[in-house]
C-alpha atoms as a PDB file:
ATOM      1  CA  MET A   1    -116.228  -5.097   7.189  1.00  0.00           C
ATOM      2  CA  LEU A   2    -118.906  -2.807   8.505  1.00  0.00           C
ATOM      3  CA  LYS A   3    -122.387  -3.621   7.271  1.00  0.00           C
ATOM      4  CA  SER A   4    -124.599  -1.764   9.749  1.00  0.00           C
ATOM      5  CA  ILE A   5    -123.862   1.295  11.900  1.00  0.00           C
ATOM      6  CA  LEU A   6    -126.083   2.745  14.599  1.00  0.00           C
ATOM      7  CA  VAL A   7    -125.462   6.325  15.716  1.00  0.00           C
ATOM      8  CA  ALA A   8    -127.208   7.448  18.907  1.00  0.00           C
ATOM      9  CA  SER A   9    -127.766  11.193  19.195  1.00  0.00           C
ATOM     10  CA  ASP A  10    -129.230  13.242  22.032  1.00  0.00           C
ATOM     11  CA  LEU A  11    -129.316  16.284  19.688  1.00  0.00           C
ATOM     12  CA  SER A  12    -126.644  18.062  21.747  1.00  0.00           C
ATOM     13  CA  SER A  13    -123.344  19.425  20.468  1.00  0.00           C
ATOM     14  CA  ARG A  14    -121.637  16.353  21.961  1.00  0.00           C
ATOM     15  CA  SER A  15    -123.540  14.123  19.521  1.00  0.00           C
ATOM     16  CA  LYS A  16    -122.520  16.082  16.432  1.00  0.00           C
ATOM     17  CA  PRO A  17    -119.115  14.317  16.105  1.00  0.00           C
ATOM     18  CA  ALA A  18    -120.890  10.961  16.415  1.00  0.00           C
ATOM     19  CA  VAL A  19    -123.220  11.710  13.498  1.00  0.00           C
ATOM     20  CA  GLN A  20    -120.294  13.047  11.474  1.00  0.00           C
ATOM     21  CA  ARG A  21    -118.220   9.927  12.202  1.00  0.00           C
ATOM     22  CA  GLY A  22    -121.127   7.645  11.382  1.00  0.00           C
ATOM     23  CA  VAL A  23    -121.620   9.311   7.992  1.00  0.00           C
ATOM     24  CA  GLN A  24    -117.896   9.077   7.215  1.00  0.00           C
ATOM     25  CA  LEU A  25    -117.710   5.394   8.131  1.00  0.00           C
ATOM     26  CA  SER A  26    -120.876   4.634   6.160  1.00  0.00           C
ATOM     27  CA  GLU A  27    -119.562   6.370   3.055  1.00  0.00           C
ATOM     28  CA  ASP A  28    -116.191   4.593   3.282  1.00  0.00           C
ATOM     29  CA  SER A  29    -117.554   1.106   3.960  1.00  0.00           C
ATOM     30  CA  GLY A  30    -120.933   1.142   2.233  1.00  0.00           C
ATOM     31  CA  ALA A  31    -122.580   0.167   5.515  1.00  0.00           C
ATOM     32  CA  ALA A  32    -126.211   0.999   6.216  1.00  0.00           C
ATOM     33  CA  LEU A  33    -126.525   3.876   8.684  1.00  0.00           C
ATOM     34  CA  CYS A  34    -129.229   4.523  11.253  1.00  0.00           C
ATOM     35  CA  VAL A  35    -129.246   7.712  13.300  1.00  0.00           C
ATOM     36  CA  LEU A  36    -131.351   7.216  16.423  1.00  0.00           C
ATOM     37  CA  HIS A  37    -132.745   9.665  18.946  1.00  0.00           C
ATOM     38  CA  VAL A  38    -134.559   8.494  22.066  1.00  0.00           C
ATOM     39  CA  VAL A  39    -137.355  10.566  23.601  1.00  0.00           C
ATOM     40  CA  GLU A  40    -138.227   9.917  27.212  1.00  0.00           C
ATOM     41  CA  ASN A  41    -141.778   8.535  27.329  1.00  0.00           C
ATOM     42  CA  ASP A  42    -143.004  10.738  30.176  1.00  0.00           C
ATOM     43  CA  LEU A  43    -144.054  13.634  27.914  1.00  0.00           C
ATOM     44  CA  LEU A  44    -147.643  14.610  27.096  1.00  0.00           C
ATOM     45  CA  GLU A  45    -148.923  13.248  23.785  1.00  0.00           C
ATOM     46  CA  ASP A  46    -148.904  16.561  21.894  1.00  0.00           C
ATOM     47  CA  ARG A  47    -145.467  17.380  23.230  1.00  0.00           C
ATOM     48  CA  MET A  48    -144.273  13.907  22.266  1.00  0.00           C
ATOM     49  CA  ARG A  49    -145.397  14.292  18.649  1.00  0.00           C
ATOM     50  CA  HIS A  50    -143.692  17.687  18.441  1.00  0.00           C
ATOM     51  CA  GLU A  51    -140.438  16.299  19.880  1.00  0.00           C
ATOM     52  CA  ILE A  52    -140.437  13.417  17.406  1.00  0.00           C
ATOM     53  CA  ARG A  53    -141.037  15.624  14.357  1.00  0.00           C
ATOM     54  CA  SER A  54    -138.433  18.150  15.457  1.00  0.00           C
ATOM     55  CA  ALA A  55    -135.829  15.432  16.086  1.00  0.00           C
ATOM     56  CA  GLU A  56    -136.454  13.777  12.728  1.00  0.00           C
ATOM     57  CA  ASP A  57    -136.093  17.067  10.853  1.00  0.00           C
ATOM     58  CA  TYR A  58    -133.001  18.073  12.804  1.00  0.00           C
ATOM     59  CA  LEU A  59    -131.173  14.780  12.287  1.00  0.00           C
ATOM     60  CA  THR A  60    -132.127  14.522   8.614  1.00  0.00           C
ATOM     61  CA  ASP A  61    -130.641  17.963   7.973  1.00  0.00           C
ATOM     62  CA  GLN A  62    -127.557  17.171  10.077  1.00  0.00           C
ATOM     63  CA  VAL A  63    -126.810  13.983   8.151  1.00  0.00           C
ATOM     64  CA  ALA A  64    -127.233  15.789   4.833  1.00  0.00           C
ATOM     65  CA  GLY A  65    -124.777  18.425   5.990  1.00  0.00           C
ATOM     66  CA  PHE A  66    -122.062  15.806   6.538  1.00  0.00           C
ATOM     67  CA  GLY A  67    -122.399  13.771   3.344  1.00  0.00           C
ATOM     68  CA  THR A  68    -124.434  11.206   1.470  1.00  0.00           C
ATOM     69  CA  PRO A  69    -124.292   7.789   3.134  1.00  0.00           C
ATOM     70  CA  PRO A  70    -125.417   4.983   0.786  1.00  0.00           C
ATOM     71  CA  ALA A  71    -128.347   3.998   2.994  1.00  0.00           C
ATOM     72  CA  CYS A  72    -129.525   6.093   5.921  1.00  0.00           C
ATOM     73  CA  ASP A  73    -132.500   5.847   8.236  1.00  0.00           C
ATOM     74  CA  VAL A  74    -133.398   8.463  10.846  1.00  0.00           C
ATOM     75  CA  ALA A  75    -135.335   6.931  13.726  1.00  0.00           C
ATOM     76  CA  VAL A  76    -136.916   8.392  16.855  1.00  0.00           C
ATOM     77  CA  ALA A  77    -138.017   6.015  19.588  1.00  0.00           C
ATOM     78  CA  MET A  78    -139.460   6.349  23.078  1.00  0.00           C
ATOM     79  CA  GLY A  79    -138.108   4.935  26.316  1.00  0.00           C
ATOM     80  CA  HIS A  80    -134.963   4.930  28.405  1.00  0.00           C
ATOM     81  CA  ALA A  81    -132.010   5.844  26.200  1.00  0.00           C
ATOM     82  CA  PHE A  82    -129.476   3.110  27.009  1.00  0.00           C
ATOM     83  CA  HIS A  83    -132.143   0.390  26.893  1.00  0.00           C
ATOM     84  CA  VAL A  84    -133.612   1.536  23.561  1.00  0.00           C
ATOM     85  CA  ILE A  85    -130.155   1.950  22.003  1.00  0.00           C
ATOM     86  CA  GLY A  86    -129.236  -1.630  22.902  1.00  0.00           C
ATOM     87  CA  GLU A  87    -132.521  -3.009  21.570  1.00  0.00           C
ATOM     88  CA  GLU A  88    -132.235  -1.031  18.331  1.00  0.00           C
ATOM     89  CA  ALA A  89    -128.637  -2.195  17.838  1.00  0.00           C
ATOM     90  CA  ARG A  90    -129.695  -5.818  18.209  1.00  0.00           C
ATOM     91  CA  ALA A  91    -132.734  -5.410  15.963  1.00  0.00           C
ATOM     92  CA  ARG A  92    -130.634  -3.852  13.201  1.00  0.00           C
ATOM     93  CA  GLU A  93    -127.708  -6.227  13.787  1.00  0.00           C
ATOM     94  CA  ALA A  94    -125.447  -3.220  14.096  1.00  0.00           C
ATOM     95  CA  ASP A  95    -121.728  -3.968  13.872  1.00  0.00           C
ATOM     96  CA  LEU A  96    -120.925  -0.701  15.620  1.00  0.00           C
ATOM     97  CA  ILE A  97    -122.659   1.794  17.899  1.00  0.00           C
ATOM     98  CA  VAL A  98    -121.377   5.362  17.666  1.00  0.00           C
ATOM     99  CA  MET A  99    -122.113   7.866  20.412  1.00  0.00           C
ATOM    100  CA  GLY A 100    -120.919  11.305  21.432  1.00  0.00           C
ATOM    101  CA  ALA A 101    -118.647  11.968  24.391  1.00  0.00           C
ATOM    102  CA  HIS A 102    -120.257  12.067  27.800  1.00  0.00           C
ATOM    103  CA  ARG A 103    -120.775  15.346  29.616  1.00  0.00           C
ATOM    104  CA  ARG A 104    -117.392  15.929  31.245  1.00  0.00           C
ATOM    105  CA  GLN A 105    -117.295  16.822  34.909  1.00  0.00           C
ATOM    106  CA  PHE A 106    -114.591  17.568  37.447  1.00  0.00           C
ATOM    107  CA  LEU A 107    -114.604  14.019  38.818  1.00  0.00           C
ATOM    108  CA  ARG A 108    -113.474  11.316  36.409  1.00  0.00           C
ATOM    109  CA  ASP A 109    -115.615   8.603  37.974  1.00  0.00           C
ATOM    110  CA  VAL A 110    -118.882  10.347  37.057  1.00  0.00           C
ATOM    111  CA  PHE A 111    -118.562   8.538  33.714  1.00  0.00           C
ATOM    112  CA  VAL A 112    -120.089   5.515  35.451  1.00  0.00           C
ATOM    113  CA  GLY A 113    -123.850   5.563  35.012  1.00  0.00           C
ATOM    114  CA  THR A 114    -123.872   7.793  31.933  1.00  0.00           C
ATOM    115  CA  THR A 115    -125.750   6.572  28.873  1.00  0.00           C
ATOM    116  CA  ILE A 116    -122.593   5.724  26.913  1.00  0.00           C
ATOM    117  CA  GLU A 117    -121.141   3.814  29.872  1.00  0.00           C
ATOM    118  CA  ARG A 118    -124.331   1.775  30.227  1.00  0.00           C
ATOM    119  CA  VAL A 119    -124.498   1.054  26.504  1.00  0.00           C
ATOM    120  CA  THR A 120    -120.842  -0.007  26.476  1.00  0.00           C
ATOM    121  CA  ARG A 121    -121.481  -2.330  29.403  1.00  0.00           C
ATOM    122  CA  THR A 122    -124.771  -3.885  28.255  1.00  0.00           C
ATOM    123  CA  ALA A 123    -125.143  -3.731  24.455  1.00  0.00           C
ATOM    124  CA  GLY A 124    -122.705  -6.574  23.735  1.00  0.00           C
ATOM    125  CA  ARG A 125    -121.201  -4.945  20.657  1.00  0.00           C
ATOM    126  CA  PRO A 126    -118.418  -2.448  19.887  1.00  0.00           C
ATOM    127  CA  VAL A 127    -119.120   1.121  20.951  1.00  0.00           C
ATOM    128  CA  MET A 128    -117.346   4.102  19.433  1.00  0.00           C
ATOM    129  CA  MET A 129    -117.116   7.259  21.529  1.00  0.00           C
ATOM    130  CA  ALA A 130    -116.637  10.060  19.019  1.00  0.00           C
ATOM    131  CA  ASN A 131    -114.614  12.976  20.337  1.00  0.00           C
ATOM    132  CA  SER A 132    -113.082  14.315  17.140  1.00  0.00           C
ATOM    133  CA  ASN A 133    -114.685  17.429  15.711  1.00  0.00           C
ATOM    134  CA  THR A 134    -112.956  17.087  12.332  1.00  0.00           C
ATOM    135  CA  GLY A 135    -114.479  13.826  11.127  1.00  0.00           C
ATOM    136  CA  GLU A 136    -111.221  13.056   9.309  1.00  0.00           C
ATOM    137  CA  ARG A 137    -110.167   9.485   8.667  1.00  0.00           C
ATOM    138  CA  TRP A 138    -107.956   7.955  11.321  1.00  0.00           C
ATOM    139  CA  ARG A 139    -104.265   7.918  10.441  1.00  0.00           C
ATOM    140  CA  LYS A 140    -102.758   6.943  13.783  1.00  0.00           C
ATOM    141  CA  VAL A 141    -104.389   4.245  15.922  1.00  0.00           C
ATOM    142  CA  PHE A 142    -103.322   2.983  19.341  1.00  0.00           C
ATOM    143  CA  ILE A 143    -104.417  -0.506  20.414  1.00  0.00           C
ATOM    144  CA  ALA A 144    -104.063  -0.905  24.172  1.00  0.00           C
ATOM    145  CA  THR A 145    -103.252  -4.471  25.160  1.00  0.00           C
ATOM    146  CA  ASP A 146    -102.541  -6.398  28.337  1.00  0.00           C
ATOM    147  CA  MET A 147    -101.881  -9.533  26.248  1.00  0.00           C
ATOM    148  CA  SER A 148    -105.170 -11.051  27.364  1.00  0.00           C
ATOM    149  CA  GLU A 149    -107.665 -12.703  25.041  1.00  0.00           C
ATOM    150  CA  THR A 150    -110.012  -9.795  25.669  1.00  0.00           C
ATOM    151  CA  SER A 151    -107.567  -7.187  24.373  1.00  0.00           C
ATOM    152  CA  GLY A 152    -106.632  -9.495  21.515  1.00  0.00           C
ATOM    153  CA  HIS A 153    -110.298  -9.821  20.612  1.00  0.00           C
ATOM    154  CA  ALA A 154    -110.607  -6.025  20.565  1.00  0.00           C
ATOM    155  CA  ALA A 155    -107.725  -5.773  18.092  1.00  0.00           C
ATOM    156  CA  ARG A 156    -109.136  -8.512  15.865  1.00  0.00           C
ATOM    157  CA  LYS A 157    -112.589  -6.942  15.889  1.00  0.00           C
ATOM    158  CA  ALA A 158    -111.263  -3.478  14.969  1.00  0.00           C
ATOM    159  CA  HIS A 159    -109.306  -5.054  12.121  1.00  0.00           C
ATOM    160  CA  ALA A 160    -112.229  -7.192  10.925  1.00  0.00           C
ATOM    161  CA  LEU A 161    -114.520  -4.155  10.786  1.00  0.00           C
ATOM    162  CA  GLY A 162    -111.988  -2.310   8.626  1.00  0.00           C
ATOM    163  CA  LEU A 163    -111.402   0.379  11.259  1.00  0.00           C
ATOM    164  CA  LEU A 164    -107.626  -0.012  11.013  1.00  0.00           C
ATOM    165  CA  ASP A 165    -107.471   0.277   7.224  1.00  0.00           C
ATOM    166  CA  ASN A 166    -105.017   2.874   5.882  1.00  0.00           C
ATOM    167  CA  ALA A 167    -103.869   3.720   9.408  1.00  0.00           C
ATOM    168  CA  ASP A 168    -100.609   3.234  11.279  1.00  0.00           C
ATOM    169  CA  ALA A 169    -101.477   0.956  14.187  1.00  0.00           C
ATOM    170  CA  THR A 170     -99.414   0.773  17.364  1.00  0.00           C
ATOM    171  CA  PHE A 171     -99.955  -1.841  20.049  1.00  0.00           C
ATOM    172  CA  VAL A 172     -99.384  -0.236  23.447  1.00  0.00           C
ATOM    173  CA  HIS A 173     -98.561  -2.407  26.438  1.00  0.00           C
ATOM    174  CA  SER A 174     -97.973  -0.984  29.893  1.00  0.00           C
ATOM    175  CA  TYR A 175     -96.213  -2.947  32.573  1.00  0.00           C
ATOM    176  CA  ALA A 176     -94.757  -2.471  36.034  1.00  0.00           C
ATOM    177  CA  PRO A 177     -91.117  -3.621  36.390  1.00  0.00           C
ATOM    178  CA  ILE A 178     -91.718  -5.602  39.567  1.00  0.00           C
ATOM    179  CA  THR A 179     -88.178  -7.015  39.727  1.00  0.00           C
ATOM    180  CA  ARG A 180     -86.592  -3.560  39.697  1.00  0.00           C
ATOM    181  CA  GLN A 181     -88.911  -2.279  42.388  1.00  0.00           C
ATOM    182  CA  MET A 182     -88.222  -5.247  44.646  1.00  0.00           C
ATOM    183  CA  MET A 183     -84.445  -5.125  44.128  1.00  0.00           C
ATOM    184  CA  THR A 184     -84.275  -1.399  44.693  1.00  0.00           C
ATOM    185  CA  HIS A 185     -86.247  -1.757  47.888  1.00  0.00           C
ATOM    186  CA  ALA A 186     -83.866  -4.525  48.991  1.00  0.00           C
ATOM    187  CA  GLY A 187     -80.817  -2.288  48.482  1.00  0.00           C
ATOM    188  CA  ILE A 188     -79.354  -4.184  45.494  1.00  0.00           C
ATOM    189  CA  PRO A 189     -76.646  -2.168  43.632  1.00  0.00           C
ATOM    190  CA  ALA A 190     -77.987   0.026  40.844  1.00  0.00           C
ATOM    191  CA  GLU A 191     -75.978  -1.728  38.101  1.00  0.00           C
ATOM    192  CA  ARG A 192     -77.461  -5.100  38.996  1.00  0.00           C
ATOM    193  CA  VAL A 193     -80.935  -3.584  39.190  1.00  0.00           C
ATOM    194  CA  HIS A 194     -80.496  -2.114  35.718  1.00  0.00           C
ATOM    195  CA  GLU A 195     -79.389  -5.482  34.285  1.00  0.00           C
ATOM    196  CA  GLU A 196     -82.387  -7.275  35.738  1.00  0.00           C
ATOM    197  CA  ALA A 197     -84.760  -4.547  34.575  1.00  0.00           C
ATOM    198  CA  GLU A 198     -83.389  -4.809  31.037  1.00  0.00           C
ATOM    199  CA  ARG A 199     -83.786  -8.580  31.114  1.00  0.00           C
ATOM    200  CA  GLU A 200     -87.371  -8.199  32.274  1.00  0.00           C
ATOM    201  CA  PHE A 201     -88.077  -5.645  29.550  1.00  0.00           C
ATOM    202  CA  GLN A 202     -86.666  -7.882  26.809  1.00  0.00           C
ATOM    203  CA  SER A 203     -88.735 -10.793  28.093  1.00  0.00           C
ATOM    204  CA  THR A 204     -91.860  -8.641  27.966  1.00  0.00           C
ATOM    205  CA  ARG A 205     -90.954  -7.465  24.457  1.00  0.00           C
ATOM    206  CA  ARG A 206     -90.641 -11.038  23.184  1.00  0.00           C
ATOM    207  CA  GLU A 207     -93.900 -12.027  24.854  1.00  0.00           C
ATOM    208  CA  LEU A 208     -95.692  -9.072  23.277  1.00  0.00           C
ATOM    209  CA  GLY A 209     -94.271  -9.934  19.854  1.00  0.00           C
ATOM    210  CA  ARG A 210     -95.546 -13.502  20.097  1.00  0.00           C
ATOM    211  CA  PHE A 211     -98.938 -12.272  21.272  1.00  0.00           C
ATOM    212  CA  ILE A 212     -99.387  -9.867  18.347  1.00  0.00           C
ATOM    213  CA  GLN A 213     -98.234 -12.426  15.785  1.00  0.00           C
ATOM    214  CA  GLY A 214    -100.754 -14.866  17.204  1.00  0.00           C
ATOM    215  CA  LEU A 215    -103.615 -12.488  16.461  1.00  0.00           C
ATOM    216  CA  ASP A 216    -103.308 -13.272  12.735  1.00  0.00           C
ATOM    217  CA  LEU A 217    -104.052  -9.748  11.526  1.00  0.00           C
ATOM    218  CA  GLY A 218    -102.940 -10.358   7.961  1.00  0.00           C
ATOM    219  CA  ASP A 219    -101.071  -7.518   6.304  1.00  0.00           C
ATOM    220  CA  LEU A 220    -101.859  -4.945   8.988  1.00  0.00           C
ATOM    221  CA  ASN A 221     -99.110  -2.350   9.240  1.00  0.00           C
ATOM    222  CA  TYR A 222     -98.307  -2.113  12.945  1.00  0.00           C
ATOM    223  CA  ASN A 223     -95.698  -1.214  15.523  1.00  0.00           C
ATOM    224  CA  ALA A 224     -95.469  -2.063  19.217  1.00  0.00           C
ATOM    225  CA  ARG A 225     -94.601   0.115  22.181  1.00  0.00           C
ATOM    226  CA  ILE A 226     -93.997  -0.840  25.804  1.00  0.00           C
ATOM    227  CA  ILE A 227     -94.418   1.811  28.469  1.00  0.00           C
ATOM    228  CA  GLU A 228     -93.784   1.711  32.180  1.00  0.00           C
ATOM    229  CA  GLY A 229     -96.832   1.988  34.383  1.00  0.00           C
ATOM    230  CA  VAL A 230    -100.139   0.255  35.048  1.00  0.00           C
ATOM    231  CA  GLY A 231    -103.711   1.254  34.386  1.00  0.00           C
ATOM    232  CA  ALA A 232    -105.470   4.180  32.791  1.00  0.00           C
ATOM    233  CA  ASP A 233    -102.943   6.846  33.775  1.00  0.00           C
ATOM    234  CA  ALA A 234    -100.126   5.163  31.845  1.00  0.00           C
ATOM    235  CA  ILE A 235    -102.193   4.825  28.658  1.00  0.00           C
ATOM    236  CA  ALA A 236    -103.783   8.269  28.994  1.00  0.00           C
ATOM    237  CA  GLY A 237    -100.367   9.849  29.481  1.00  0.00           C
ATOM    238  CA  LEU A 238     -99.052   8.325  26.269  1.00  0.00           C
ATOM    239  CA  VAL A 239    -102.209   9.339  24.400  1.00  0.00           C
ATOM    240  CA  GLU A 240    -101.744  12.923  25.558  1.00  0.00           C
ATOM    241  CA  GLN A 241     -98.115  12.862  24.442  1.00  0.00           C
ATOM    242  CA  ALA A 242     -98.395  11.035  21.108  1.00  0.00           C
ATOM    243  CA  LYS A 243    -101.886  12.255  20.108  1.00  0.00           C
ATOM    244  CA  PRO A 244    -103.260   9.319  18.105  1.00  0.00           C
ATOM    245  CA  ASP A 245    -106.606   9.654  16.324  1.00  0.00           C
ATOM    246  CA  LEU A 246    -108.203   6.512  17.777  1.00  0.00           C
ATOM    247  CA  LEU A 247    -107.717   4.343  20.863  1.00  0.00           C
ATOM    248  CA  VAL A 248    -108.922   0.724  20.786  1.00  0.00           C
ATOM    249  CA  ILE A 249    -109.568  -0.923  24.157  1.00  0.00           C
ATOM    250  CA  GLY A 250    -111.095  -4.107  25.512  1.00  0.00           C
ATOM    251  CA  THR A 251    -113.563  -3.747  28.357  1.00  0.00           C
ATOM    252  CA  ARG A 252    -112.304  -6.575  30.582  1.00  0.00           C
ATOM    253  CA  GLY A 253    -108.985  -8.305  31.098  1.00  0.00           C
ATOM    254  CA  LEU A 254    -106.579  -9.908  33.500  1.00  0.00           C
ATOM    255  CA  SER A 255    -106.640  -9.663  37.257  1.00  0.00           C
ATOM    256  CA  GLY A 256    -103.946  -9.003  39.819  1.00  0.00           C
ATOM    257  CA  VAL A 257    -100.738  -7.222  38.802  1.00  0.00           C
ATOM    258  CA  LYS A 258    -101.613  -7.306  35.102  1.00  0.00           C
ATOM    259  CA  ARG A 259    -105.121  -5.912  35.565  1.00  0.00           C
ATOM    260  CA  LEU A 260    -105.583  -3.397  32.791  1.00  0.00           C
ATOM    261  CA  PHE A 261    -109.139  -3.475  31.519  1.00  0.00           C
ATOM    262  CA  LEU A 262    -111.269  -4.659  34.421  1.00  0.00           C
ATOM    263  CA  GLY A 263    -114.063  -2.244  33.690  1.00  0.00           C
ATOM    264  CA  SER A 264    -112.880   0.615  35.865  1.00  0.00           C
ATOM    265  CA  VAL A 265    -109.749   1.264  33.783  1.00  0.00           C
ATOM    266  CA  ALA A 266    -111.661   1.224  30.512  1.00  0.00           C
ATOM    267  CA  GLN A 267    -114.195   3.582  32.073  1.00  0.00           C
ATOM    268  CA  GLU A 268    -111.427   5.918  33.213  1.00  0.00           C
ATOM    269  CA  LEU A 269    -109.962   6.035  29.717  1.00  0.00           C
ATOM    270  CA  MET A 270    -113.326   6.705  28.108  1.00  0.00           C
ATOM    271  CA  GLY A 271    -113.978   9.357  30.724  1.00  0.00           C
ATOM    272  CA  SER A 272    -110.690  11.172  30.307  1.00  0.00           C
ATOM    273  CA  VAL A 273    -109.074  10.990  26.852  1.00  0.00           C
ATOM    274  CA  GLU A 274    -109.986  13.533  24.187  1.00  0.00           C
ATOM    275  CA  ILE A 275    -109.732  11.314  21.104  1.00  0.00           C
ATOM    276  CA  ASP A 276    -112.058   8.775  19.526  1.00  0.00           C
ATOM    277  CA  VAL A 277    -112.277   5.544  21.549  1.00  0.00           C
ATOM    278  CA  LEU A 278    -113.447   2.133  20.376  1.00  0.00           C
ATOM    279  CA  ALA A 279    -114.494  -0.082  23.297  1.00  0.00           C
ATOM    280  CA  VAL A 280    -114.964  -3.750  22.431  1.00  0.00           C
ATOM    281  CA  PRO A 281    -116.620  -6.152  24.923  1.00  0.00           C
ATOM    282  CA  PRO A 282    -115.548  -9.813  24.991  1.00  0.00           C
ATOM    283  CA  GLY A 283    -118.790 -11.098  23.485  1.00  0.00           C
ATOM    284  CA  ALA A 284    -118.894  -8.652  20.567  1.00  0.00           C
END
């Protein structure tokens, strides 16, 4: 279960859902909550003191407006944001870092290099990107999996932290029916292609079932769904259609045909979907 939560806020409207989510999770789990703001250390001394006082007052009032977490600390530190956030998370032994969505641009790949992308890549612990403006408890959770140990670890970590409690969880696996593509290209009759594609699908379904059972998730209430496609577009398309409340992803995975979470795909998902996203690195 959650014992320590760190929320990083830049005081913008994008950080408001992160503070709200942090308060909700703290109240539900009893975890200690820290709300952190980082001030760049290139300001003049008087300006620095003013920024710190203003940030402390603002965040204290914001937390109070969302609820009464059992233990809450508002902290303002100086330095580079992603570096300070990682250090603070390690110092407080945070089980989870919660941050607001990045500033969305026209190009999806601008997510790379943002503070939340750097924290996700370097902090070594689960990072929650809070997109929801309601702060309601999650009822419908998607767990993206490529059947690698990394994606399995992400599912186990989400379950261990209690983030799947009282929610309907669905494991989502995307795959490319290679056999059908090859046979179609070779001019094999459509009926035979269909038979082979069905056989391949059933094989994938059995493999996915064995993988999920091997995760030993106790009494978790879950379903499984297999979709055709590879990469972020396949998962993002299903998210747009089914509208879950939370997406759980691993940040690395398999290579080659089954490559699903080799950094770039996880970054694309975090840079494009409009729901809460939990990104879990292998070492978390």
